[in-house]
Amino acid sequence: MPKRSPQDTNARRIAIIELIAANPLPVEEIVEQLIPKAGRRTVYEDLEWILETFPEHLKRESAGKAHGKHRVTYRWLGHSPY
């Protein structure tokens, strides 16, 4: 897989923030809606970075269990920094 530039990483993180600012989403739906596509691990890593960088804005919420698995939804509070 080709190495991504810092601009690609920033653009993807901005896109994730925009998605979860519009609607709270679980990782699976973030992965489905991202353009260009990114893998689950990449999205999890980006969400961790966003949480460390903007802890007052990114909220992890329990959405109950789906198919016996605990489901977490991510929500953005406030205005997007971009």
PDB file of N, CA and C in Angstrom:
ATOM      1  N   MET A   1       0.845  -1.177   0.000  1.00  0.00           N
ATOM      2  CA  MET A   1       0.000   0.000   0.000  1.00  0.00           C
ATOM      3  C   MET A   1       0.893   1.243   0.000  1.00  0.00           C
ATOM      4  N   PRO A   2       0.569   2.224  -0.828  1.00  0.00           N
ATOM      5  CA  PRO A   2       1.412   3.422  -0.904  1.00  0.00           C
ATOM      6  C   PRO A   2       1.330   4.258   0.364  1.00  0.00           C
ATOM      7  N   LYS A   3       2.435   4.904   0.661  1.00  0.00           N
ATOM      8  CA  LYS A   3       2.501   5.783   1.824  1.00  0.00           C
ATOM      9  C   LYS A   3       1.667   7.031   1.561  1.00  0.00           C
ATOM     10  N   ARG A   4       0.922   7.462   2.566  1.00  0.00           N
ATOM     11  CA  ARG A   4       0.081   8.656   2.436  1.00  0.00           C
ATOM     12  C   ARG A   4       0.851   9.886   2.890  1.00  0.00           C
ATOM     13  N   SER A   5       0.564  10.996   2.264  1.00  0.00           N
ATOM     14  CA  SER A   5       1.214  12.250   2.645  1.00  0.00           C
ATOM     15  C   SER A   5       0.519  12.828   3.871  1.00  0.00           C
ATOM     16  N   PRO A   6       1.191  13.735   4.584  1.00  0.00           N
ATOM     17  CA  PRO A   6       0.540  14.399   5.722  1.00  0.00           C
ATOM     18  C   PRO A   6      -0.740  15.123   5.302  1.00  0.00           C
ATOM     19  N   GLN A   7      -0.777  15.630   4.081  1.00  0.00           N
ATOM     20  CA  GLN A   7      -1.983  16.308   3.596  1.00  0.00           C
ATOM     21  C   GLN A   7      -3.141  15.324   3.475  1.00  0.00           C
ATOM     22  N   ASP A   8      -2.859  14.092   3.023  1.00  0.00           N
ATOM     23  CA  ASP A   8      -3.894  13.061   2.924  1.00  0.00           C
ATOM     24  C   ASP A   8      -4.436  12.717   4.305  1.00  0.00           C
ATOM     25  N   THR A   9      -3.531  12.587   5.275  1.00  0.00           N
ATOM     26  CA  THR A   9      -3.939  12.268   6.638  1.00  0.00           C
ATOM     27  C   THR A   9      -4.798  13.380   7.211  1.00  0.00           C
ATOM     28  N   ASN A  10      -4.373  14.620   7.041  1.00  0.00           N
ATOM     29  CA  ASN A  10      -5.162  15.750   7.548  1.00  0.00           C
ATOM     30  C   ASN A  10      -6.527  15.818   6.875  1.00  0.00           C
ATOM     31  N   ALA A  11      -6.572  15.613   5.574  1.00  0.00           N
ATOM     32  CA  ALA A  11      -7.845  15.652   4.846  1.00  0.00           C
ATOM     33  C   ALA A  11      -8.788  14.560   5.347  1.00  0.00           C
ATOM     34  N   ARG A  12      -8.254  13.373   5.614  1.00  0.00           N
ATOM     35  CA  ARG A  12      -9.075  12.271   6.118  1.00  0.00           C
ATOM     36  C   ARG A  12      -9.607  12.590   7.507  1.00  0.00           C
ATOM     37  N   ARG A  13      -8.773  13.147   8.370  1.00  0.00           N
ATOM     38  CA  ARG A  13      -9.218  13.496   9.724  1.00  0.00           C
ATOM     39  C   ARG A  13     -10.275  14.591   9.694  1.00  0.00           C
ATOM     40  N   ILE A  14     -10.121  15.553   8.811  1.00  0.00           N
ATOM     41  CA  ILE A  14     -11.136  16.604   8.652  1.00  0.00           C
ATOM     42  C   ILE A  14     -12.446  15.979   8.174  1.00  0.00           C
ATOM     43  N   ALA A  15     -12.354  15.050   7.227  1.00  0.00           N
ATOM     44  CA  ALA A  15     -13.556  14.381   6.719  1.00  0.00           C
ATOM     45  C   ALA A  15     -14.255  13.597   7.824  1.00  0.00           C
ATOM     46  N   ILE A  16     -13.489  12.936   8.689  1.00  0.00           N
ATOM     47  CA  ILE A  16     -14.079  12.202   9.810  1.00  0.00           C
ATOM     48  C   ILE A  16     -14.798  13.166  10.741  1.00  0.00           C
ATOM     49  N   ILE A  17     -14.166  14.278  11.079  1.00  0.00           N
ATOM     50  CA  ILE A  17     -14.799  15.274  11.951  1.00  0.00           C
ATOM     51  C   ILE A  17     -16.094  15.774  11.317  1.00  0.00           C
ATOM     52  N   GLU A  18     -16.075  16.057  10.025  1.00  0.00           N
ATOM     53  CA  GLU A  18     -17.284  16.542   9.350  1.00  0.00           C
ATOM     54  C   GLU A  18     -18.393  15.498   9.378  1.00  0.00           C
ATOM     55  N   LEU A  19     -18.047  14.223   9.205  1.00  0.00           N
ATOM     56  CA  LEU A  19     -19.053  13.162   9.247  1.00  0.00           C
ATOM     57  C   LEU A  19     -19.708  13.059  10.617  1.00  0.00           C
ATOM     58  N   ILE A  20     -18.883  13.035  11.673  1.00  0.00           N
ATOM     59  CA  ILE A  20     -19.460  12.839  13.006  1.00  0.00           C
ATOM     60  C   ILE A  20     -20.042  14.122  13.579  1.00  0.00           C
ATOM     61  N   ALA A  21     -19.714  15.272  12.981  1.00  0.00           N
ATOM     62  CA  ALA A  21     -20.367  16.523  13.384  1.00  0.00           C
ATOM     63  C   ALA A  21     -21.794  16.549  12.847  1.00  0.00           C
ATOM     64  N   ALA A  22     -22.004  15.951  11.680  1.00  0.00           N
ATOM     65  CA  ALA A  22     -23.338  15.914  11.079  1.00  0.00           C
ATOM     66  C   ALA A  22     -24.237  14.902  11.785  1.00  0.00           C
ATOM     67  N   ASN A  23     -23.685  13.723  12.098  1.00  0.00           N
ATOM     68  CA  ASN A  23     -24.442  12.649  12.751  1.00  0.00           C
ATOM     69  C   ASN A  23     -23.493  11.779  13.555  1.00  0.00           C
ATOM     70  N   PRO A  24     -23.879  11.372  14.763  1.00  0.00           N
ATOM     71  CA  PRO A  24     -23.062  10.409  15.498  1.00  0.00           C
ATOM     72  C   PRO A  24     -23.003   9.091  14.714  1.00  0.00           C
ATOM     73  N   LEU A  25     -21.806   8.523  14.612  1.00  0.00           N
ATOM     74  CA  LEU A  25     -21.635   7.314  13.809  1.00  0.00           C
ATOM     75  C   LEU A  25     -20.712   6.319  14.497  1.00  0.00           C
ATOM     76  N   PRO A  26     -20.948   5.013  14.293  1.00  0.00           N
ATOM     77  CA  PRO A  26     -19.969   4.005  14.704  1.00  0.00           C
ATOM     78  C   PRO A  26     -18.865   3.923  13.650  1.00  0.00           C
ATOM     79  N   VAL A  27     -17.762   3.309  13.996  1.00  0.00           N
ATOM     80  CA  VAL A  27     -16.612   3.216  13.093  1.00  0.00           C
ATOM     81  C   VAL A  27     -16.995   2.571  11.763  1.00  0.00           C
ATOM     82  N   GLU A  28     -17.824   1.541  11.807  1.00  0.00           N
ATOM     83  CA  GLU A  28     -18.199   0.851  10.576  1.00  0.00           C
ATOM     84  C   GLU A  28     -18.834   1.810   9.571  1.00  0.00           C
ATOM     85  N   GLU A  29     -19.699   2.699  10.049  1.00  0.00           N
ATOM     86  CA  GLU A  29     -20.360   3.642   9.148  1.00  0.00           C
ATOM     87  C   GLU A  29     -19.411   4.753   8.699  1.00  0.00           C
ATOM     88  N   ILE A  30     -18.480   5.136   9.567  1.00  0.00           N
ATOM     89  CA  ILE A  30     -17.471   6.124   9.160  1.00  0.00           C
ATOM     90  C   ILE A  30     -16.654   5.552   8.009  1.00  0.00           C
ATOM     91  N   VAL A  31     -16.227   4.297   8.151  1.00  0.00           N
ATOM     92  CA  VAL A  31     -15.436   3.639   7.104  1.00  0.00           C
ATOM     93  C   VAL A  31     -16.219   3.599   5.791  1.00  0.00           C
ATOM     94  N   GLU A  32     -17.505   3.262   5.858  1.00  0.00           N
ATOM     95  CA  GLU A  32     -18.333   3.173   4.650  1.00  0.00           C
ATOM     96  C   GLU A  32     -18.499   4.526   3.961  1.00  0.00           C
ATOM     97  N   GLN A  33     -18.593   5.608   4.743  1.00  0.00           N
ATOM     98  CA  GLN A  33     -18.902   6.914   4.180  1.00  0.00           C
ATOM     99  C   GLN A  33     -17.680   7.730   3.767  1.00  0.00           C
ATOM    100  N   LEU A  34     -16.498   7.353   4.238  1.00  0.00           N
ATOM    101  CA  LEU A  34     -15.292   8.124   3.905  1.00  0.00           C
ATOM    102  C   LEU A  34     -14.939   8.018   2.431  1.00  0.00           C
ATOM    103  N   ILE A  35     -14.589   9.147   1.852  1.00  0.00           N
ATOM    104  CA  ILE A  35     -14.098   9.200   0.474  1.00  0.00           C
ATOM    105  C   ILE A  35     -12.850  10.068   0.481  1.00  0.00           C
ATOM    106  N   PRO A  36     -11.686   9.547   0.063  1.00  0.00           N
ATOM    107  CA  PRO A  36     -11.432   8.185  -0.361  1.00  0.00           C
ATOM    108  C   PRO A  36     -11.507   7.222   0.815  1.00  0.00           C
ATOM    109  N   LYS A  37     -11.655   5.956   0.506  1.00  0.00           N
ATOM    110  CA  LYS A  37     -11.824   4.919   1.513  1.00  0.00           C
ATOM    111  C   LYS A  37     -10.593   4.802   2.408  1.00  0.00           C
ATOM    112  N   ALA A  38     -10.857   4.367   3.641  1.00  0.00           N
ATOM    113  CA  ALA A  38      -9.788   4.075   4.602  1.00  0.00           C
ATOM    114  C   ALA A  38     -10.208   2.831   5.372  1.00  0.00           C
ATOM    115  N   GLY A  39      -9.246   2.093   5.863  1.00  0.00           N
ATOM    116  CA  GLY A  39      -9.533   0.884   6.621  1.00  0.00           C
ATOM    117  C   GLY A  39      -9.946   1.191   8.051  1.00  0.00           C
ATOM    118  N   ARG A  40     -10.505   0.180   8.703  1.00  0.00           N
ATOM    119  CA  ARG A  40     -10.962   0.348  10.092  1.00  0.00           C
ATOM    120  C   ARG A  40      -9.821   0.755  11.015  1.00  0.00           C
ATOM    121  N   ARG A  41      -8.677   0.100  10.883  1.00  0.00           N
ATOM    122  CA  ARG A  41      -7.549   0.423  11.754  1.00  0.00           C
ATOM    123  C   ARG A  41      -7.144   1.883  11.593  1.00  0.00           C
ATOM    124  N   THR A  42      -7.101   2.354  10.354  1.00  0.00           N
ATOM    125  CA  THR A  42      -6.747   3.751  10.086  1.00  0.00           C
ATOM    126  C   THR A  42      -7.758   4.690  10.723  1.00  0.00           C
ATOM    127  N   VAL A  43      -9.041   4.374  10.598  1.00  0.00           N
ATOM    128  CA  VAL A  43     -10.083   5.223  11.192  1.00  0.00           C
ATOM    129  C   VAL A  43      -9.958   5.221  12.715  1.00  0.00           C
ATOM    130  N   TYR A  44      -9.721   4.048  13.315  1.00  0.00           N
ATOM    131  CA  TYR A  44      -9.519   3.994  14.771  1.00  0.00           C
ATOM    132  C   TYR A  44      -8.316   4.851  15.182  1.00  0.00           C
ATOM    133  N   GLU A  45      -7.220   4.758  14.437  1.00  0.00           N
ATOM    134  CA  GLU A  45      -6.034   5.563  14.756  1.00  0.00           C
ATOM    135  C   GLU A  45      -6.333   7.052  14.632  1.00  0.00           C
ATOM    136  N   ASP A  46      -7.084   7.427  13.597  1.00  0.00           N
ATOM    137  CA  ASP A  46      -7.458   8.837  13.432  1.00  0.00           C
ATOM    138  C   ASP A  46      -8.368   9.298  14.560  1.00  0.00           C
ATOM    139  N   LEU A  47      -9.316   8.468  14.970  1.00  0.00           N
ATOM    140  CA  LEU A  47     -10.203   8.844  16.075  1.00  0.00           C
ATOM    141  C   LEU A  47      -9.423   9.019  17.376  1.00  0.00           C
ATOM    142  N   GLU A  48      -8.423   8.178  17.596  1.00  0.00           N
ATOM    143  CA  GLU A  48      -7.577   8.333  18.787  1.00  0.00           C
ATOM    144  C   GLU A  48      -6.813   9.653  18.731  1.00  0.00           C
ATOM    145  N   TRP A  49      -6.279   9.989  17.562  1.00  0.00           N
ATOM    146  CA  TRP A  49      -5.569  11.264  17.404  1.00  0.00           C
ATOM    147  C   TRP A  49      -6.525  12.434  17.637  1.00  0.00           C
ATOM    148  N   ILE A  50      -7.719  12.359  17.058  1.00  0.00           N
ATOM    149  CA  ILE A  50      -8.713  13.422  17.236  1.00  0.00           C
ATOM    150  C   ILE A  50      -9.079  13.552  18.708  1.00  0.00           C
ATOM    151  N   LEU A  51      -9.252  12.430  19.399  1.00  0.00           N
ATOM    152  CA  LEU A  51      -9.589  12.461  20.826  1.00  0.00           C
ATOM    153  C   LEU A  51      -8.476  13.101  21.646  1.00  0.00           C
ATOM    154  N   GLU A  52      -7.227  12.802  21.326  1.00  0.00           N
ATOM    155  CA  GLU A  52      -6.097  13.404  22.040  1.00  0.00           C
ATOM    156  C   GLU A  52      -5.970  14.895  21.739  1.00  0.00           C
ATOM    157  N   THR A  53      -6.276  15.281  20.506  1.00  0.00           N
ATOM    158  CA  THR A  53      -6.118  16.665  20.072  1.00  0.00           C
ATOM    159  C   THR A  53      -7.297  17.543  20.474  1.00  0.00           C
ATOM    160  N   PHE A  54      -8.493  16.987  20.434  1.00  0.00           N
ATOM    161  CA  PHE A  54      -9.718  17.740  20.736  1.00  0.00           C
ATOM    162  C   PHE A  54     -10.574  16.983  21.758  1.00  0.00           C
ATOM    163  N   PRO A  55     -10.056  16.742  22.968  1.00  0.00           N
ATOM    164  CA  PRO A  55     -10.798  15.912  23.925  1.00  0.00           C
ATOM    165  C   PRO A  55     -12.144  16.501  24.338  1.00  0.00           C
ATOM    166  N   GLU A  56     -12.277  17.814  24.268  1.00  0.00           N
ATOM    167  CA  GLU A  56     -13.535  18.442  24.672  1.00  0.00           C
ATOM    168  C   GLU A  56     -14.609  18.330  23.589  1.00  0.00           C
ATOM    169  N   HIS A  57     -14.242  17.920  22.393  1.00  0.00           N
ATOM    170  CA  HIS A  57     -15.196  17.862  21.284  1.00  0.00           C
ATOM    171  C   HIS A  57     -15.600  16.448  20.874  1.00  0.00           C
ATOM    172  N   LEU A  58     -14.686  15.498  20.943  1.00  0.00           N
ATOM    173  CA  LEU A  58     -15.004  14.136  20.513  1.00  0.00           C
ATOM    174  C   LEU A  58     -15.517  13.339  21.698  1.00  0.00           C
ATOM    175  N   LYS A  59     -16.713  12.779  21.546  1.00  0.00           N
ATOM    176  CA  LYS A  59     -17.320  11.975  22.604  1.00  0.00           C
ATOM    177  C   LYS A  59     -17.574  10.571  22.086  1.00  0.00           C
ATOM    178  N   ARG A  60     -17.206   9.601  22.909  1.00  0.00           N
ATOM    179  CA  ARG A  60     -17.500   8.197  22.621  1.00  0.00           C
ATOM    180  C   ARG A  60     -18.729   7.838  23.427  1.00  0.00           C
ATOM    181  N   GLU A  61     -19.740   7.312  22.759  1.00  0.00           N
ATOM    182  CA  GLU A  61     -20.986   6.975  23.438  1.00  0.00           C
ATOM    183  C   GLU A  61     -21.328   5.514  23.192  1.00  0.00           C
ATOM    184  N   SER A  62     -21.814   4.860  24.227  1.00  0.00           N
ATOM    185  CA  SER A  62     -22.260   3.489  24.081  1.00  0.00           C
ATOM    186  C   SER A  62     -23.590   3.480  23.348  1.00  0.00           C
ATOM    187  N   ALA A  63     -23.680   2.657  22.329  1.00  0.00           N
ATOM    188  CA  ALA A  63     -24.917   2.560  21.549  1.00  0.00           C
ATOM    189  C   ALA A  63     -25.578   1.204  21.762  1.00  0.00           C
ATOM    190  N   GLY A  64     -25.260   0.552  22.881  1.00  0.00           N
ATOM    191  CA  GLY A  64     -25.843  -0.756  23.156  1.00  0.00           C
ATOM    192  C   GLY A  64     -25.087  -1.867  22.463  1.00  0.00           C
ATOM    193  N   LYS A  65     -25.750  -3.015  22.386  1.00  0.00           N
ATOM    194  CA  LYS A  65     -25.112  -4.181  21.780  1.00  0.00           C
ATOM    195  C   LYS A  65     -25.769  -4.515  20.457  1.00  0.00           C
ATOM    196  N   ALA A  66     -24.942  -4.819  19.494  1.00  0.00           N
ATOM    197  CA  ALA A  66     -25.412  -5.283  18.193  1.00  0.00           C
ATOM    198  C   ALA A  66     -24.742  -6.618  17.912  1.00  0.00           C
ATOM    199  N   HIS A  67     -25.519  -7.657  17.711  1.00  0.00           N
ATOM    200  CA  HIS A  67     -24.998  -8.998  17.439  1.00  0.00           C
ATOM    201  C   HIS A  67     -24.060  -9.461  18.550  1.00  0.00           C
ATOM    202  N   GLY A  68     -24.412  -9.146  19.798  1.00  0.00           N
ATOM    203  CA  GLY A  68     -23.621  -9.580  20.935  1.00  0.00           C
ATOM    204  C   GLY A  68     -22.362  -8.786  21.190  1.00  0.00           C
ATOM    205  N   LYS A  69     -22.116  -7.746  20.385  1.00  0.00           N
ATOM    206  CA  LYS A  69     -20.915  -6.927  20.551  1.00  0.00           C
ATOM    207  C   LYS A  69     -21.303  -5.538  21.030  1.00  0.00           C
ATOM    208  N   HIS A  70     -20.508  -5.004  21.928  1.00  0.00           N
ATOM    209  CA  HIS A  70     -20.720  -3.643  22.417  1.00  0.00           C
ATOM    210  C   HIS A  70     -20.413  -2.670  21.286  1.00  0.00           C
ATOM    211  N   ARG A  71     -21.337  -1.745  21.037  1.00  0.00           N
ATOM    212  CA  ARG A  71     -21.174  -0.805  19.921  1.00  0.00           C
ATOM    213  C   ARG A  71     -20.915   0.594  20.457  1.00  0.00           C
ATOM    214  N   VAL A  72     -19.914   1.258  19.901  1.00  0.00           N
ATOM    215  CA  VAL A  72     -19.546   2.613  20.305  1.00  0.00           C
ATOM    216  C   VAL A  72     -19.830   3.559  19.145  1.00  0.00           C
ATOM    217  N   THR A  73     -20.472   4.676  19.477  1.00  0.00           N
ATOM    218  CA  THR A  73     -20.762   5.706  18.489  1.00  0.00           C
ATOM    219  C   THR A  73     -19.923   6.926  18.820  1.00  0.00           C
ATOM    220  N   TYR A  74     -19.416   7.591  17.796  1.00  0.00           N
ATOM    221  CA  TYR A  74     -18.605   8.790  17.975  1.00  0.00           C
ATOM    222  C   TYR A  74     -19.419  10.012  17.588  1.00  0.00           C
ATOM    223  N   ARG A  75     -19.357  11.036  18.450  1.00  0.00           N
ATOM    224  CA  ARG A  75     -20.111  12.272  18.249  1.00  0.00           C
ATOM    225  C   ARG A  75     -19.163  13.458  18.406  1.00  0.00           C
ATOM    226  N   TRP A  76     -19.328  14.458  17.544  1.00  0.00           N
ATOM    227  CA  TRP A  76     -18.556  15.696  17.623  1.00  0.00           C
ATOM    228  C   TRP A  76     -19.429  16.760  18.258  1.00  0.00           C
ATOM    229  N   LEU A  77     -18.932  17.409  19.295  1.00  0.00           N
ATOM    230  CA  LEU A  77     -19.660  18.476  19.974  1.00  0.00           C
ATOM    231  C   LEU A  77     -19.049  19.822  19.615  1.00  0.00           C
ATOM    232  N   GLY A  78     -19.889  20.768  19.243  1.00  0.00           N
ATOM    233  CA  GLY A  78     -19.408  22.105  18.918  1.00  0.00           C
ATOM    234  C   GLY A  78     -19.079  22.255  17.450  1.00  0.00           C
ATOM    235  N   HIS A  79     -18.410  23.351  17.150  1.00  0.00           N
ATOM    236  CA  HIS A  79     -18.057  23.677  15.769  1.00  0.00           C
ATOM    237  C   HIS A  79     -16.803  22.935  15.344  1.00  0.00           C
ATOM    238  N   SER A  80     -16.733  22.631  14.068  1.00  0.00           N
ATOM    239  CA  SER A  80     -15.546  22.001  13.508  1.00  0.00           C
ATOM    240  C   SER A  80     -14.392  22.998  13.540  1.00  0.00           C
ATOM    241  N   PRO A  81     -13.180  22.551  13.874  1.00  0.00           N
ATOM    242  CA  PRO A  81     -12.033  23.459  13.897  1.00  0.00           C
ATOM    243  C   PRO A  81     -11.523  23.796  12.494  1.00  0.00           C
ATOM    244  N   TYR A  82     -12.136  23.230  11.474  1.00  0.00           N
ATOM    245  CA  TYR A  82     -11.657  23.435  10.102  1.00  0.00           C
ATOM    246  C   TYR A  82     -12.679  24.152   9.265  1.00  0.00           C
TER     247      TYR A  82
END
